[in-house]
C-alpha atoms as a PDB file:
ATOM      1  CA  MET A   1     -66.422 128.090 177.181  1.00  0.00           C
ATOM      2  CA  THR A   2     -64.514 130.926 178.789  1.00  0.00           C
ATOM      3  CA  SER A   3     -62.823 128.529 181.206  1.00  0.00           C
ATOM      4  CA  ILE A   4     -61.659 126.342 178.329  1.00  0.00           C
ATOM      5  CA  MET A   5     -60.200 129.338 176.481  1.00  0.00           C
ATOM      6  CA  ILE A   6     -58.353 130.478 179.613  1.00  0.00           C
ATOM      7  CA  LEU A   7     -56.964 126.962 180.066  1.00  0.00           C
ATOM      8  CA  VAL A   8     -55.794 126.850 176.439  1.00  0.00           C
ATOM      9  CA  VAL A   9     -54.137 130.279 176.724  1.00  0.00           C
ATOM     10  CA  LEU A  10     -52.364 129.345 179.968  1.00  0.00           C
ATOM     11  CA  THR A  11     -51.193 126.051 178.478  1.00  0.00           C
ATOM     12  CA  GLY A  12     -49.869 127.867 175.439  1.00  0.00           C
ATOM     13  CA  LEU A  13     -48.038 130.404 177.570  1.00  0.00           C
ATOM     14  CA  GLY A  14     -46.576 127.591 179.631  1.00  0.00           C
ATOM     15  CA  LEU A  15     -45.224 125.891 176.531  1.00  0.00           C
ATOM     16  CA  VAL A  16     -43.772 129.147 175.173  1.00  0.00           C
ATOM     17  CA  PHE A  17     -41.996 129.963 178.419  1.00  0.00           C
ATOM     18  CA  GLY A  18     -40.820 126.354 178.676  1.00  0.00           C
ATOM     19  CA  PHE A  19     -39.177 126.569 175.251  1.00  0.00           C
ATOM     20  CA  ILE A  20     -37.597 129.925 176.169  1.00  0.00           C
ATOM     21  CA  LEU A  21     -36.140 128.526 179.391  1.00  0.00           C
ATOM     22  CA  ALA A  22     -34.850 125.415 177.640  1.00  0.00           C
ATOM     23  CA  PHE A  23     -33.182 127.559 174.974  1.00  0.00           C
ATOM     24  CA  ALA A  24     -31.650 129.865 177.585  1.00  0.00           C
ATOM     25  CA  ASN A  25     -30.398 126.912 179.587  1.00  0.00           C
ATOM     26  CA  ARG A  26     -28.610 125.482 176.562  1.00  0.00           C
ATOM     27  CA  LYS A  27     -27.420 128.850 175.278  1.00  0.00           C
ATOM     28  CA  PHE A  28     -25.944 130.089 178.545  1.00  0.00           C
ATOM     29  CA  ALA A  29     -24.980 126.787 180.144  1.00  0.00           C
ATOM     30  CA  ILE A  30     -21.635 126.807 181.929  1.00  0.00           C
ATOM     31  CA  GLU A  31     -19.527 123.711 181.633  1.00  0.00           C
ATOM     32  CA  VAL A  32     -18.342 122.391 184.996  1.00  0.00           C
ATOM     33  CA  ASN A  33     -14.906 120.854 185.206  1.00  0.00           C
ATOM     34  CA  PRO A  34     -15.595 117.144 185.935  1.00  0.00           C
ATOM     35  CA  LEU A  35     -12.538 117.085 188.208  1.00  0.00           C
ATOM     36  CA  ILE A  36     -14.448 119.255 190.690  1.00  0.00           C
ATOM     37  CA  HIS A  37     -16.961 116.475 191.314  1.00  0.00           C
ATOM     38  CA  ILE A  38     -14.197 113.873 191.506  1.00  0.00           C
ATOM     39  CA  VAL A  39     -12.413 115.910 194.197  1.00  0.00           C
ATOM     40  CA  GLU A  40     -15.662 116.485 196.063  1.00  0.00           C
ATOM     41  CA  ASP A  41     -16.263 112.730 196.165  1.00  0.00           C
ATOM     42  CA  VAL A  42     -13.047 112.128 198.145  1.00  0.00           C
ATOM     43  CA  LEU A  43     -13.908 114.786 200.755  1.00  0.00           C
ATOM     44  CA  PRO A  44     -15.631 113.749 204.025  1.00  0.00           C
ATOM     45  CA  LYS A  45     -18.896 115.637 203.232  1.00  0.00           C
ATOM     46  CA  GLY A  46     -19.068 117.068 206.746  1.00  0.00           C
ATOM     47  CA  GLN A  47     -19.756 120.569 205.369  1.00  0.00           C
ATOM     48  CA  CYS A  48     -17.918 121.844 208.465  1.00  0.00           C
ATOM     49  CA  GLY A  49     -16.185 124.822 206.832  1.00  0.00           C
ATOM     50  CA  ALA A  50     -12.823 124.057 208.464  1.00  0.00           C
ATOM     51  CA  CYS A  51     -11.164 124.584 205.091  1.00  0.00           C
ATOM     52  CA  GLY A  52     -12.386 128.175 205.014  1.00  0.00           C
ATOM     53  CA  TYR A  53     -14.961 127.553 202.298  1.00  0.00           C
ATOM     54  CA  ALA A  54     -18.743 127.180 202.481  1.00  0.00           C
ATOM     55  CA  GLY A  55     -18.864 123.419 202.241  1.00  0.00           C
ATOM     56  CA  CYS A  56     -17.069 120.610 200.430  1.00  0.00           C
ATOM     57  CA  MET A  57     -18.288 121.573 196.949  1.00  0.00           C
ATOM     58  CA  ALA A  58     -16.988 125.127 197.331  1.00  0.00           C
ATOM     59  CA  TYR A  59     -13.583 123.870 198.449  1.00  0.00           C
ATOM     60  CA  ALA A  60     -13.451 121.301 195.635  1.00  0.00           C
ATOM     61  CA  GLU A  61     -14.155 124.032 193.096  1.00  0.00           C
ATOM     62  CA  ALA A  62     -11.522 126.330 194.586  1.00  0.00           C
ATOM     63  CA  VAL A  63      -8.773 123.720 194.856  1.00  0.00           C
ATOM     64  CA  VAL A  64      -9.340 122.565 191.264  1.00  0.00           C
ATOM     65  CA  LEU A  65      -9.634 125.984 189.618  1.00  0.00           C
ATOM     66  CA  LYS A  66      -7.244 128.098 191.705  1.00  0.00           C
ATOM     67  CA  PRO A  67      -3.532 127.195 191.677  1.00  0.00           C
ATOM     68  CA  GLU A  68      -2.902 128.996 194.971  1.00  0.00           C
ATOM     69  CA  VAL A  69      -5.411 126.926 196.988  1.00  0.00           C
ATOM     70  CA  SER A  70      -3.721 124.186 198.994  1.00  0.00           C
ATOM     71  CA  PRO A  71      -4.877 120.557 198.711  1.00  0.00           C
ATOM     72  CA  SER A  72      -4.282 120.153 202.469  1.00  0.00           C
ATOM     73  CA  LEU A  73      -7.065 122.386 203.789  1.00  0.00           C
ATOM     74  CA  CYS A  74      -9.530 119.599 204.615  1.00  0.00           C
ATOM     75  CA  ILE A  75      -8.893 119.178 208.344  1.00  0.00           C
ATOM     76  CA  PRO A  76     -11.322 116.258 208.842  1.00  0.00           C
ATOM     77  CA  GLY A  77      -9.807 114.379 205.902  1.00  0.00           C
ATOM     78  CA  LYS A  78      -6.300 114.705 207.307  1.00  0.00           C
ATOM     79  CA  GLU A  79      -3.224 113.445 205.468  1.00  0.00           C
ATOM     80  CA  ALA A  80      -4.985 110.701 203.509  1.00  0.00           C
ATOM     81  CA  VAL A  81      -7.456 113.095 201.857  1.00  0.00           C
ATOM     82  CA  ALA A  82      -4.768 115.745 201.367  1.00  0.00           C
ATOM     83  CA  LYS A  83      -2.677 113.262 199.370  1.00  0.00           C
ATOM     84  CA  LEU A  84      -5.644 112.236 197.214  1.00  0.00           C
ATOM     85  CA  VAL A  85      -6.596 115.836 196.469  1.00  0.00           C
ATOM     86  CA  ALA A  86      -2.966 116.649 195.713  1.00  0.00           C
ATOM     87  CA  GLU A  87      -2.716 113.762 193.241  1.00  0.00           C
ATOM     88  CA  LEU A  88      -5.952 114.723 191.520  1.00  0.00           C
ATOM     89  CA  THR A  89      -5.033 118.396 191.199  1.00  0.00           C
ATOM     90  CA  GLY A  90      -1.326 117.952 190.507  1.00  0.00           C
ATOM     91  CA  LYS A  91      -0.307 119.914 193.581  1.00  0.00           C
ATOM     92  CA  ALA A  92       2.023 119.228 196.498  1.00  0.00           C
ATOM     93  CA  ALA A  93       0.381 118.300 199.803  1.00  0.00           C
ATOM     94  CA  GLU A  94       1.633 119.910 202.990  1.00  0.00           C
ATOM     95  CA  ALA A  95       1.837 118.026 206.271  1.00  0.00           C
ATOM     96  CA  VAL A  96      -1.423 117.944 208.213  1.00  0.00           C
ATOM     97  CA  GLU A  97      -1.073 117.652 212.003  1.00  0.00           C
ATOM     98  CA  PRO A  98      -3.891 115.558 213.508  1.00  0.00           C
ATOM     99  CA  ARG A  99      -5.860 117.407 216.172  1.00  0.00           C
ATOM    100  CA  ILE A 100      -8.824 116.813 218.419  1.00  0.00           C
ATOM    101  CA  ALA A 101     -11.319 119.014 220.220  1.00  0.00           C
ATOM    102  CA  ARG A 102     -10.855 119.529 223.956  1.00  0.00           C
ATOM    103  CA  VAL A 103     -13.054 121.078 226.625  1.00  0.00           C
ATOM    104  CA  LYS A 104     -11.236 123.747 228.636  1.00  0.00           C
ATOM    105  CA  CYS A 105     -13.474 123.417 231.672  1.00  0.00           C
ATOM    106  CA  ALA A 106     -13.898 120.921 234.507  1.00  0.00           C
ATOM    107  CA  GLY A 107     -16.652 122.940 236.168  1.00  0.00           C
ATOM    108  CA  THR A 108     -19.249 120.218 236.590  1.00  0.00           C
ATOM    109  CA  GLU A 109     -22.552 120.735 238.376  1.00  0.00           C
ATOM    110  CA  ALA A 110     -20.843 119.716 241.647  1.00  0.00           C
ATOM    111  CA  LYS A 111     -17.743 121.897 241.270  1.00  0.00           C
ATOM    112  CA  ALA A 112     -18.953 125.148 239.704  1.00  0.00           C
ATOM    113  CA  VAL A 113     -21.087 127.568 241.737  1.00  0.00           C
ATOM    114  CA  LYS A 114     -24.288 128.890 240.174  1.00  0.00           C
ATOM    115  CA  SER A 115     -25.535 132.447 240.536  1.00  0.00           C
ATOM    116  CA  HIS A 116     -29.080 131.680 239.424  1.00  0.00           C
ATOM    117  CA  GLY A 117     -31.265 129.041 237.851  1.00  0.00           C
ATOM    118  CA  TYR A 118     -31.902 128.859 234.117  1.00  0.00           C
ATOM    119  CA  VAL A 119     -35.131 127.542 232.591  1.00  0.00           C
ATOM    120  CA  GLY A 120     -34.935 129.116 229.131  1.00  0.00           C
ATOM    121  CA  VAL A 121     -34.113 127.724 225.702  1.00  0.00           C
ATOM    122  CA  GLN A 122     -31.677 124.829 226.003  1.00  0.00           C
ATOM    123  CA  ASP A 123     -29.003 126.526 223.953  1.00  0.00           C
ATOM    124  CA  CYS A 124     -25.679 127.935 225.132  1.00  0.00           C
ATOM    125  CA  MET A 125     -25.939 131.067 223.005  1.00  0.00           C
ATOM    126  CA  ALA A 126     -29.397 131.828 224.386  1.00  0.00           C
ATOM    127  CA  ALA A 127     -28.287 131.228 227.987  1.00  0.00           C
ATOM    128  CA  ASN A 128     -25.237 133.405 227.484  1.00  0.00           C
ATOM    129  CA  LEU A 129     -27.488 136.358 226.617  1.00  0.00           C
ATOM    130  CA  LEU A 130     -29.028 136.188 230.106  1.00  0.00           C
ATOM    131  CA  PHE A 131     -26.357 137.600 232.439  1.00  0.00           C
ATOM    132  CA  GLY A 132     -23.690 135.436 230.807  1.00  0.00           C
ATOM    133  CA  GLY A 133     -25.306 132.201 231.923  1.00  0.00           C
ATOM    134  CA  PRO A 134     -26.184 130.661 235.319  1.00  0.00           C
ATOM    135  CA  LYS A 135     -22.628 130.003 236.525  1.00  0.00           C
ATOM    136  CA  VAL A 136     -20.711 132.439 238.714  1.00  0.00           C
ATOM    137  CA  CYS A 137     -17.696 131.816 236.482  1.00  0.00           C
ATOM    138  CA  LYS A 138     -18.459 133.673 233.273  1.00  0.00           C
ATOM    139  CA  PHE A 139     -15.790 131.781 231.356  1.00  0.00           C
ATOM    140  CA  GLY A 140     -16.967 128.224 231.977  1.00  0.00           C
ATOM    141  CA  CYS A 141     -18.988 125.704 229.975  1.00  0.00           C
ATOM    142  CA  LEU A 142     -22.727 126.380 230.106  1.00  0.00           C
ATOM    143  CA  GLY A 143     -23.506 122.702 229.623  1.00  0.00           C
ATOM    144  CA  LEU A 144     -26.509 123.027 227.310  1.00  0.00           C
ATOM    145  CA  GLY A 145     -24.990 121.044 224.457  1.00  0.00           C
ATOM    146  CA  THR A 146     -24.934 123.519 221.569  1.00  0.00           C
ATOM    147  CA  CYS A 147     -21.546 122.078 220.584  1.00  0.00           C
ATOM    148  CA  VAL A 148     -22.950 118.542 220.652  1.00  0.00           C
ATOM    149  CA  LYS A 149     -25.814 119.496 218.353  1.00  0.00           C
ATOM    150  CA  SER A 150     -23.505 121.248 215.909  1.00  0.00           C
ATOM    151  CA  CYS A 151     -20.963 118.426 215.494  1.00  0.00           C
ATOM    152  CA  PRO A 152     -21.305 117.119 211.920  1.00  0.00           C
ATOM    153  CA  PHE A 153     -19.538 113.864 212.814  1.00  0.00           C
ATOM    154  CA  LYS A 154     -21.551 112.975 215.953  1.00  0.00           C
ATOM    155  CA  ALA A 155     -18.331 112.959 217.958  1.00  0.00           C
ATOM    156  CA  MET A 156     -19.687 114.703 221.057  1.00  0.00           C
ATOM    157  CA  SER A 157     -22.118 113.845 223.825  1.00  0.00           C
ATOM    158  CA  MET A 158     -23.235 115.468 227.074  1.00  0.00           C
ATOM    159  CA  SER A 159     -22.145 113.738 230.257  1.00  0.00           C
ATOM    160  CA  PRO A 160     -24.336 113.406 233.375  1.00  0.00           C
ATOM    161  CA  GLU A 161     -21.935 115.865 235.030  1.00  0.00           C
ATOM    162  CA  GLY A 162     -23.015 118.592 232.622  1.00  0.00           C
ATOM    163  CA  LEU A 163     -19.928 118.789 230.412  1.00  0.00           C
ATOM    164  CA  PRO A 164     -19.438 117.674 226.802  1.00  0.00           C
ATOM    165  CA  VAL A 165     -17.281 114.626 226.112  1.00  0.00           C
ATOM    166  CA  ILE A 166     -15.403 114.136 222.853  1.00  0.00           C
ATOM    167  CA  ASP A 167     -15.199 110.698 221.250  1.00  0.00           C
ATOM    168  CA  PRO A 168     -11.557 110.502 220.061  1.00  0.00           C
ATOM    169  CA  ASN A 169     -12.418 107.883 217.472  1.00  0.00           C
ATOM    170  CA  LYS A 170     -14.986 110.124 215.780  1.00  0.00           C
ATOM    171  CA  CYS A 171     -13.634 113.639 216.288  1.00  0.00           C
ATOM    172  CA  THR A 172     -11.961 114.937 213.144  1.00  0.00           C
ATOM    173  CA  GLY A 173     -10.756 118.238 214.589  1.00  0.00           C
ATOM    174  CA  CYS A 174     -12.916 120.203 212.158  1.00  0.00           C
ATOM    175  CA  GLY A 175     -13.474 122.973 214.717  1.00  0.00           C
ATOM    176  CA  LYS A 176     -17.232 123.334 214.213  1.00  0.00           C
ATOM    177  CA  CYS A 177     -17.867 122.976 217.948  1.00  0.00           C
ATOM    178  CA  GLU A 178     -15.215 125.578 218.646  1.00  0.00           C
ATOM    179  CA  THR A 179     -16.947 128.193 216.507  1.00  0.00           C
ATOM    180  CA  VAL A 180     -20.401 127.800 218.086  1.00  0.00           C
ATOM    181  CA  CYS A 181     -19.285 127.948 221.738  1.00  0.00           C
ATOM    182  CA  PRO A 182     -20.127 131.431 223.106  1.00  0.00           C
ATOM    183  CA  LYS A 183     -17.624 131.005 225.954  1.00  0.00           C
ATOM    184  CA  GLN A 184     -14.724 129.787 223.775  1.00  0.00           C
ATOM    185  CA  VAL A 185     -14.449 126.798 226.070  1.00  0.00           C
ATOM    186  CA  ILE A 186     -13.641 124.378 223.243  1.00  0.00           C
ATOM    187  CA  ALA A 187     -10.310 124.472 221.452  1.00  0.00           C
ATOM    188  CA  MET A 188      -8.316 122.179 219.202  1.00  0.00           C
ATOM    189  CA  MET A 189      -5.463 120.178 220.728  1.00  0.00           C
ATOM    190  CA  PRO A 190      -2.756 118.181 218.915  1.00  0.00           C
ATOM    191  CA  LEU A 191      -3.003 114.439 219.479  1.00  0.00           C
ATOM    192  CA  THR A 192       0.582 114.456 220.744  1.00  0.00           C
ATOM    193  CA  ALA A 193      -0.275 116.682 223.724  1.00  0.00           C
ATOM    194  CA  HIS A 194       0.806 115.323 227.124  1.00  0.00           C
ATOM    195  CA  VAL A 195      -1.126 117.659 229.376  1.00  0.00           C
ATOM    196  CA  ARG A 196      -4.044 120.039 229.131  1.00  0.00           C
ATOM    197  CA  VAL A 197      -5.486 122.870 231.209  1.00  0.00           C
ATOM    198  CA  ASN A 198      -9.059 122.128 232.260  1.00  0.00           C
ATOM    199  CA  CYS A 199      -9.947 125.759 232.817  1.00  0.00           C
ATOM    200  CA  ASN A 200     -10.889 128.823 230.806  1.00  0.00           C
ATOM    201  CA  SER A 201     -11.232 131.393 233.592  1.00  0.00           C
ATOM    202  CA  LYS A 202      -9.500 134.761 233.303  1.00  0.00           C
ATOM    203  CA  ASP A 203     -10.471 135.774 236.848  1.00  0.00           C
ATOM    204  CA  LYS A 204      -7.823 136.363 239.493  1.00  0.00           C
ATOM    205  CA  GLY A 205      -7.029 133.544 241.906  1.00  0.00           C
ATOM    206  CA  ALA A 206      -9.439 134.251 244.755  1.00  0.00           C
ATOM    207  CA  ALA A 207     -12.385 135.034 242.484  1.00  0.00           C
ATOM    208  CA  ALA A 208     -11.705 132.017 240.273  1.00  0.00           C
ATOM    209  CA  LYS A 209     -11.503 129.619 243.248  1.00  0.00           C
ATOM    210  CA  LYS A 210     -14.687 131.051 244.767  1.00  0.00           C
ATOM    211  CA  ALA A 211     -16.572 130.422 241.519  1.00  0.00           C
ATOM    212  CA  CYS A 212     -15.183 126.943 240.865  1.00  0.00           C
ATOM    213  CA  SER A 213     -13.231 124.546 243.072  1.00  0.00           C
ATOM    214  CA  VAL A 214     -11.102 123.269 240.178  1.00  0.00           C
ATOM    215  CA  ALA A 215     -10.282 126.608 238.541  1.00  0.00           C
ATOM    216  CA  CYS A 216      -6.782 127.759 237.674  1.00  0.00           C
ATOM    217  CA  ILE A 217      -5.862 130.285 240.383  1.00  0.00           C
ATOM    218  CA  ALA A 218      -2.840 131.739 238.574  1.00  0.00           C
ATOM    219  CA  CYS A 219      -0.462 130.646 241.339  1.00  0.00           C
ATOM    220  CA  THR A 220       2.352 130.179 238.735  1.00  0.00           C
ATOM    221  CA  LEU A 221       3.613 126.990 240.442  1.00  0.00           C
ATOM    222  CA  CYS A 222       3.275 125.120 237.132  1.00  0.00           C
ATOM    223  CA  VAL A 223       5.262 127.822 235.335  1.00  0.00           C
ATOM    224  CA  LYS A 224       8.089 127.617 237.875  1.00  0.00           C
ATOM    225  CA  GLU A 225       8.114 123.831 237.841  1.00  0.00           C
ATOM    226  CA  CYS A 226       8.455 123.400 234.066  1.00  0.00           C
ATOM    227  CA  PRO A 227      12.162 123.490 233.094  1.00  0.00           C
ATOM    228  CA  TYR A 228      11.353 123.764 229.395  1.00  0.00           C
ATOM    229  CA  GLY A 229       9.269 126.929 229.424  1.00  0.00           C
ATOM    230  CA  ALA A 230       6.265 125.045 228.056  1.00  0.00           C
ATOM    231  CA  VAL A 231       3.868 126.606 230.574  1.00  0.00           C
ATOM    232  CA  LYS A 232       3.109 130.320 230.672  1.00  0.00           C
ATOM    233  CA  MET A 233       0.593 132.477 232.495  1.00  0.00           C
ATOM    234  CA  GLU A 234      -1.664 134.586 230.273  1.00  0.00           C
ATOM    235  CA  ASN A 235      -4.568 136.628 231.664  1.00  0.00           C
ATOM    236  CA  ASN A 236      -4.490 134.723 234.968  1.00  0.00           C
ATOM    237  CA  LEU A 237      -4.665 131.385 233.172  1.00  0.00           C
ATOM    238  CA  ALA A 238      -1.997 128.717 232.631  1.00  0.00           C
ATOM    239  CA  VAL A 239      -1.342 128.035 228.947  1.00  0.00           C
ATOM    240  CA  VAL A 240       0.654 125.012 227.778  1.00  0.00           C
ATOM    241  CA  ASP A 241       2.701 124.922 224.589  1.00  0.00           C
ATOM    242  CA  SER A 242       1.780 121.390 223.514  1.00  0.00           C
ATOM    243  CA  LYS A 243       4.597 121.200 220.960  1.00  0.00           C
ATOM    244  CA  VAL A 244       7.352 122.012 223.463  1.00  0.00           C
ATOM    245  CA  CYS A 245       5.725 119.806 226.084  1.00  0.00           C
ATOM    246  CA  ALA A 246       5.469 116.796 223.773  1.00  0.00           C
ATOM    247  CA  GLU A 247       8.945 117.125 222.290  1.00  0.00           C
ATOM    248  CA  GLN A 248      10.959 117.865 225.427  1.00  0.00           C
ATOM    249  CA  CYS A 249       9.104 116.690 228.531  1.00  0.00           C
ATOM    250  CA  SER A 250       8.811 113.060 229.592  1.00  0.00           C
ATOM    251  CA  ASP A 251       7.881 113.744 233.226  1.00  0.00           C
ATOM    252  CA  ALA A 252       5.220 116.424 233.626  1.00  0.00           C
ATOM    253  CA  LYS A 253       6.011 117.643 237.159  1.00  0.00           C
ATOM    254  CA  CYS A 254       3.578 120.525 236.750  1.00  0.00           C
ATOM    255  CA  LEU A 255       0.733 118.054 237.300  1.00  0.00           C
ATOM    256  CA  ALA A 256       1.708 117.323 240.903  1.00  0.00           C
ATOM    257  CA  LYS A 257       2.251 120.975 241.788  1.00  0.00           C
ATOM    258  CA  CYS A 258      -1.148 122.304 240.681  1.00  0.00           C
ATOM    259  CA  PRO A 259      -3.155 122.893 243.910  1.00  0.00           C
ATOM    260  CA  THR A 260      -6.577 122.748 242.214  1.00  0.00           C
ATOM    261  CA  LYS A 261      -5.726 120.022 239.679  1.00  0.00           C
ATOM    262  CA  ALA A 262      -6.517 122.398 236.825  1.00  0.00           C
ATOM    263  CA  ILE A 263      -3.625 120.926 234.809  1.00  0.00           C
ATOM    264  CA  ARG A 264      -4.121 117.246 234.108  1.00  0.00           C
ATOM    265  CA  PRO A 265      -2.888 114.497 231.770  1.00  0.00           C
ATOM    266  CA  ALA A 266      -4.341 114.770 228.285  1.00  0.00           C
ATOM    267  CA  VAL A 267      -6.498 111.654 228.559  1.00  0.00           C
ATOM    268  CA  LEU A 268      -9.020 111.464 225.746  1.00  0.00           C
ATOM    269  CA  GLY A 269     -12.667 110.481 225.817  1.00  0.00           C
ATOM    270  CA  ILE A 270     -13.497 111.354 229.439  1.00  0.00           C
ATOM    271  CA  VAL A 271     -15.073 114.194 231.406  1.00  0.00           C
ATOM    272  CA  PRO A 272     -12.454 116.902 232.107  1.00  0.00           C
ATOM    273  CA  GLY A 273     -11.370 116.718 235.730  1.00  0.00           C
ATOM    274  CA  THR A 274     -11.694 112.927 236.054  1.00  0.00           C
ATOM    275  CA  GLU A 275      -8.194 112.178 234.761  1.00  0.00           C
ATOM    276  CA  ASP A 276      -6.943 111.041 238.178  1.00  0.00           C
ATOM    277  CA  GLN A 277      -9.560 108.377 238.767  1.00  0.00           C
ATOM    278  CA  ALA A 278      -8.231 104.862 239.126  1.00  0.00           C
ATOM    279  CA  SER A 279     -10.579 103.646 236.398  1.00  0.00           C
ATOM    280  CA  VAL A 280      -9.211 105.997 233.731  1.00  0.00           C
ATOM    281  CA  GLU A 281      -6.667 103.539 232.324  1.00  0.00           C
ATOM    282  CA  THR A 282      -9.265 100.792 231.975  1.00  0.00           C
ATOM    283  CA  ALA A 283     -12.099 103.001 230.765  1.00  0.00           C
ATOM    284  CA  CYS A 284      -9.944 104.723 228.148  1.00  0.00           C
ATOM    285  CA  ALA A 285      -7.969 101.768 226.832  1.00  0.00           C
ATOM    286  CA  SER A 286      -9.469 102.399 223.404  1.00  0.00           C
ATOM    287  CA  CYS A 287      -8.741 106.114 223.651  1.00  0.00           C
ATOM    288  CA  VAL A 288      -4.969 105.925 224.032  1.00  0.00           C
ATOM    289  CA  LYS A 289      -4.381 105.633 220.307  1.00  0.00           C
ATOM    290  CA  PRO A 290      -7.499 107.096 218.683  1.00  0.00           C
ATOM    291  CA  THR A 291      -8.096 106.478 215.026  1.00  0.00           C
ATOM    292  CA  ASN A 292      -9.321 110.081 214.784  1.00  0.00           C
ATOM    293  CA  ALA A 293     -11.171 108.926 211.713  1.00  0.00           C
ATOM    294  CA  VAL A 294     -13.801 110.685 209.676  1.00  0.00           C
ATOM    295  CA  GLY A 295     -17.260 109.677 210.908  1.00  0.00           C
END
């Protein structure tokens, strides 16, 4: 009898609280602007955060409700999505320059010297906590694929050589891989870039070459060879201004002068450092004009 009474009391309490919650839900309900959901539907749904907001829904809400928020912040969506969002929100869309992720390291297993073995968690951040990783070069790719796992568009894969490879037809340039790399080896590159520097080392020449056979040794030959001032030396590392290079240079002489081949053509979809192989043109025929589409 007691059990039945307890059951009745609990059921009654449940009903009372249910009515209270239902009343509160109706009383304090907040109406959501239906345009927010319409805008969210045209976004790629990568939840990459490249727009500066915590996911597509947060950006949709901000761009609809706040006049100062640009409709062109969705990097993966590029110009097509920017135009749609602009039309829906009655705003003007700014130009969106297509970009793609690039790996600033050609230090494969065969080219980069190791200081010790690593048998820990297969994660770059974890490996970096142990003496900066197993490579002598403390600026190079650790090769454990944290960037690959974090890519929301499945645009990256690990090569047998131990370096990540970006699929130019899937990469949206969202920058997610760039944010998770503890070595800052991954950066965004405009699709118009002619050349790229396959190195991230800030060590001086002798130390850099000792750690990796294809490292930039800060010899400045590339800087002297470029008549347009597109190449500069910063912290013992060659840095190329892709905009100047693409707009003014039609014959990248810096490529031939680099003694370690750290500066190479910006060929997409291959392992950094293999740009000079005879098979590049055939293997990357589909990579010359990437769709750079949302996956």
